[in-house]
Amino acid sequence: MIESIDEKILIELKNFNFKRNSLAYEYLIDAIKIIVNDRRTIKDFSKYVYGQIAEKYDTRPQNVLWCINKLINLMYFNTDSKVIGKYFNINKNDKLSTKAFIIGIARKIESERSILSYI
C-alpha cells in the first residue's frame, strides 16, 4: 500500500502529543509537506514555507510561525522527553527549534521514500 505524503506526515506526527484540532496543526502539516516536496525551501523559511502557508490561509507569515511555535512548545510539554530524544537522536533534555523539528520530520519522510524507491 502506497501512502500519500499527507498520510506519512500524520503517521510521523502521531509519535508526539499534539493538539490535532487546531489551525496550527494544519500549518505544521503544510510546512512539512512543503519541505518534503522541495528541499530548496529550507533556505528561507519565512518566504518559502511560512509565506506559502500564510498565502493559503490568508494571514501573515509571522502568524504562521507564532502558531507553529506555540503548537510545538505545547507538544514538548505534553510528550515524554525520552520519546522526542529517541526520535530525533538527541539528549532527552535538548529541545529542537521549530525549524529543526520541521526539517527533522521532513527528512525522516524523505528517507523512507528513498528506501521504498529502491525496493
Protein backbone atom coordinates (compact mmCIF):
# COMPACT_ATOMS: atom_id res chain seq x y z
CA MET A 1 0.00 0.00 0.00
CA ILE A 2 1.45 3.33 -1.08
CA GLU A 3 0.77 6.15 1.36
CA SER A 4 0.41 9.78 0.37
CA ILE A 5 2.74 12.39 1.80
CA ASP A 6 -0.11 13.65 3.99
CA GLU A 7 -0.62 10.17 5.42
CA LYS A 8 3.11 9.78 6.07
CA ILE A 9 3.23 13.14 7.84
CA LEU A 10 0.27 12.22 10.04
CA ILE A 11 1.88 8.87 10.90
CA GLU A 12 5.10 10.61 11.93
CA LEU A 13 3.30 13.27 13.96
CA LYS A 14 1.42 10.58 15.91
CA ASN A 15 4.71 9.95 17.72
CA PHE A 16 4.13 13.22 19.58
CA ASN A 17 1.25 14.62 21.64
CA PHE A 18 -0.13 17.50 19.60
CA LYS A 19 -3.41 19.33 19.79
CA ARG A 20 -4.63 17.99 16.45
CA ASN A 21 -7.80 20.01 16.04
CA SER A 22 -6.07 23.37 15.71
CA LEU A 23 -5.21 25.52 12.74
CA ALA A 24 -1.60 25.47 13.92
CA TYR A 25 -1.54 21.70 13.38
CA GLU A 26 -2.66 22.26 9.77
CA TYR A 27 0.12 24.83 9.40
CA LEU A 28 2.64 22.28 10.69
CA ILE A 29 1.46 19.62 8.24
CA ASP A 30 1.69 22.11 5.39
CA ALA A 31 5.20 23.21 6.45
CA ILE A 32 6.46 19.63 6.48
CA LYS A 33 4.81 18.92 3.13
CA ILE A 34 6.38 22.00 1.52
CA ILE A 35 9.87 20.85 2.57
CA VAL A 36 9.30 17.24 1.54
CA ASN A 37 8.20 18.43 -1.89
CA ASP A 38 11.02 20.96 -2.35
CA ARG A 39 14.09 20.93 -0.10
CA ARG A 40 15.23 24.26 -1.51
CA THR A 41 12.56 25.94 0.62
CA ILE A 42 14.77 25.34 3.68
CA LYS A 43 16.95 28.25 2.55
CA ASP A 44 14.34 30.85 3.54
CA PHE A 45 11.62 29.55 5.85
CA SER A 46 9.94 32.94 6.19
CA LYS A 47 9.48 33.35 2.47
CA TYR A 48 9.12 29.84 1.09
CA VAL A 49 7.50 27.93 3.95
CA TYR A 50 5.66 30.34 6.23
CA GLY A 51 4.95 32.66 3.31
CA GLN A 52 3.26 29.93 1.25
CA ILE A 53 1.18 28.83 4.22
CA ALA A 54 0.22 32.42 5.03
CA GLU A 55 -0.93 32.93 1.46
CA LYS A 56 -3.02 29.74 1.57
CA TYR A 57 -4.77 30.74 4.81
CA ASP A 58 -4.89 34.50 4.16
CA THR A 59 -2.72 35.51 7.08
CA ARG A 60 0.83 36.74 7.67
CA PRO A 61 3.99 34.59 7.79
CA GLN A 62 4.67 35.86 11.33
CA ASN A 63 1.28 34.49 12.45
CA VAL A 64 2.06 31.10 10.93
CA LEU A 65 5.43 30.97 12.69
CA TRP A 66 3.89 32.06 16.01
CA CYS A 67 1.16 29.41 15.81
CA ILE A 68 3.58 26.60 14.91
CA ASN A 69 5.96 27.71 17.70
CA LYS A 70 3.15 27.57 20.27
CA LEU A 71 2.00 24.18 18.99
CA ILE A 72 5.48 22.68 19.21
CA ASN A 73 6.10 24.20 22.65
CA LEU A 74 2.89 22.57 23.91
CA MET A 75 3.97 19.30 22.32
CA TYR A 76 7.24 19.44 24.28
CA PHE A 77 5.22 19.93 27.46
CA ASN A 78 2.86 17.02 26.67
CA THR A 79 5.27 14.48 25.13
CA ASP A 80 7.76 12.44 27.13
CA SER A 81 11.24 13.85 26.53
CA LYS A 82 12.57 10.31 26.03
CA VAL A 83 10.25 9.88 23.03
CA ILE A 84 11.45 13.13 21.47
CA GLY A 85 15.09 12.34 22.23
CA LYS A 86 14.87 8.89 20.69
CA TYR A 87 13.00 10.09 17.58
CA PHE A 88 15.48 12.90 16.80
CA ASN A 89 18.56 11.17 18.25
CA ILE A 90 19.20 13.98 20.75
CA ASN A 91 19.65 14.09 24.50
CA LYS A 92 16.31 13.81 26.25
CA ASN A 93 16.66 17.30 27.77
CA ASP A 94 17.56 19.02 24.49
CA LYS A 95 14.93 20.99 22.65
CA LEU A 96 14.91 21.49 18.89
CA SER A 97 13.98 24.78 17.27
CA THR A 98 10.74 24.89 15.34
CA LYS A 99 12.68 24.88 12.08
CA ALA A 100 14.81 21.90 13.17
CA PHE A 101 11.71 19.98 14.26
CA ILE A 102 10.01 20.52 10.89
CA ILE A 103 13.14 19.63 8.93
CA GLY A 104 13.68 16.53 11.07
CA ILE A 105 10.20 15.19 10.33
CA ALA A 106 10.59 16.02 6.62
CA ARG A 107 13.96 14.22 6.45
CA LYS A 108 12.51 11.11 8.06
CA ILE A 109 9.72 11.03 5.47
CA GLU A 110 12.19 11.65 2.64
CA SER A 111 14.47 8.86 3.84
CA GLU A 112 11.55 6.42 3.97
CA ARG A 113 10.56 7.43 0.44
CA SER A 114 14.13 6.86 -0.73
CA ILE A 115 14.25 3.41 0.84
CA LEU A 116 10.92 2.46 -0.74
CA SER A 117 12.06 3.63 -4.17
CA TYR A 118 14.93 1.11 -4.04
CA ILE A 119 12.65 -1.80 -3.22
